[in-house]
Amino acid sequence: MSQDNLVKLKSSASGHVVWTRKNKKKFSNVKLALKKYDPNVRKRVIYKESKK
């Protein structure tokens, strides 16, 4: 994986971190916000893009 495309997603509930890829051409000025499963709170919560 190219390091340029990697983004860090942080859980809004517990601070759990997930790394994923982002298409720079399509989402150049948009911050990602995805709903994913958080194992710490055992629920689906919103993960927002944060600094590396």
C-alpha atoms as a PDB file:
ATOM      1  CA  MET A   1       0.000   0.000   0.000  1.00  0.00           C
ATOM      2  CA  SER A   2       1.197   3.472  -0.800  1.00  0.00           C
ATOM      3  CA  GLN A   3       1.721   5.610   2.292  1.00  0.00           C
ATOM      4  CA  ASP A   4       0.116   8.608   0.550  1.00  0.00           C
ATOM      5  CA  ASN A   5      -3.272   6.912   0.391  1.00  0.00           C
ATOM      6  CA  LEU A   6      -3.346   5.751   4.010  1.00  0.00           C
ATOM      7  CA  VAL A   7      -5.658   7.582   6.405  1.00  0.00           C
ATOM      8  CA  LYS A   8      -6.244   7.079  10.099  1.00  0.00           C
ATOM      9  CA  LEU A   9      -9.844   6.669  11.240  1.00  0.00           C
ATOM     10  CA  LYS A  10     -10.543   7.263  14.927  1.00  0.00           C
ATOM     11  CA  SER A  11     -13.652   6.090  16.770  1.00  0.00           C
ATOM     12  CA  SER A  12     -15.926   8.773  18.187  1.00  0.00           C
ATOM     13  CA  ALA A  13     -16.831   6.528  21.138  1.00  0.00           C
ATOM     14  CA  SER A  14     -13.612   4.993  22.442  1.00  0.00           C
ATOM     15  CA  GLY A  15     -10.658   6.313  20.466  1.00  0.00           C
ATOM     16  CA  HIS A  16     -10.047   2.965  18.715  1.00  0.00           C
ATOM     17  CA  VAL A  17      -7.971   3.460  15.534  1.00  0.00           C
ATOM     18  CA  VAL A  18      -8.350   1.829  12.111  1.00  0.00           C
ATOM     19  CA  TRP A  19      -6.094   2.460   9.107  1.00  0.00           C
ATOM     20  CA  THR A  20      -7.615   2.437   5.616  1.00  0.00           C
ATOM     21  CA  ARG A  21      -6.983   3.719   2.101  1.00  0.00           C
ATOM     22  CA  LYS A  22      -8.513   6.811   0.543  1.00  0.00           C
ATOM     23  CA  ASN A  23      -8.794   7.734  -3.125  1.00  0.00           C
ATOM     24  CA  LYS A  24      -7.053  11.133  -3.302  1.00  0.00           C
ATOM     25  CA  LYS A  25      -8.585  12.046  -6.676  1.00  0.00           C
ATOM     26  CA  LYS A  26     -12.157  11.441  -5.576  1.00  0.00           C
ATOM     27  CA  PHE A  27     -11.982  12.672  -1.955  1.00  0.00           C
ATOM     28  CA  SER A  28      -9.257  15.313  -2.109  1.00  0.00           C
ATOM     29  CA  ASN A  29     -10.856  17.936   0.164  1.00  0.00           C
ATOM     30  CA  VAL A  30     -13.365  15.760   2.043  1.00  0.00           C
ATOM     31  CA  LYS A  31     -12.728  14.106   5.411  1.00  0.00           C
ATOM     32  CA  LEU A  32     -13.954  10.521   5.662  1.00  0.00           C
ATOM     33  CA  ALA A  33     -16.600   9.528   8.182  1.00  0.00           C
ATOM     34  CA  LEU A  34     -17.560   5.854   8.165  1.00  0.00           C
ATOM     35  CA  LYS A  35     -19.757   3.767  10.416  1.00  0.00           C
ATOM     36  CA  LYS A  36     -17.747   0.752  11.540  1.00  0.00           C
ATOM     37  CA  TYR A  37     -17.750  -1.802  14.351  1.00  0.00           C
ATOM     38  CA  ASP A  38     -15.842  -0.736  17.482  1.00  0.00           C
ATOM     39  CA  PRO A  39     -14.691  -3.779  19.498  1.00  0.00           C
ATOM     40  CA  ASN A  40     -14.100  -1.700  22.647  1.00  0.00           C
ATOM     41  CA  VAL A  41     -17.751  -0.686  23.037  1.00  0.00           C
ATOM     42  CA  ARG A  42     -19.131  -3.604  20.976  1.00  0.00           C
ATOM     43  CA  LYS A  43     -21.273  -1.355  18.775  1.00  0.00           C
ATOM     44  CA  ARG A  44     -21.206   0.267  15.368  1.00  0.00           C
ATOM     45  CA  VAL A  45     -20.050   3.855  15.758  1.00  0.00           C
ATOM     46  CA  ILE A  46     -18.833   6.659  13.509  1.00  0.00           C
ATOM     47  CA  TYR A  47     -15.121   6.697  12.700  1.00  0.00           C
ATOM     48  CA  LYS A  48     -13.760  10.059  11.552  1.00  0.00           C
ATOM     49  CA  GLU A  49     -10.556  10.799   9.693  1.00  0.00           C
ATOM     50  CA  SER A  50      -7.813  12.193  11.929  1.00  0.00           C
ATOM     51  CA  LYS A  51      -4.154  13.185  11.614  1.00  0.00           C
ATOM     52  CA  LYS A  52      -1.547  10.481  11.027  1.00  0.00           C
END
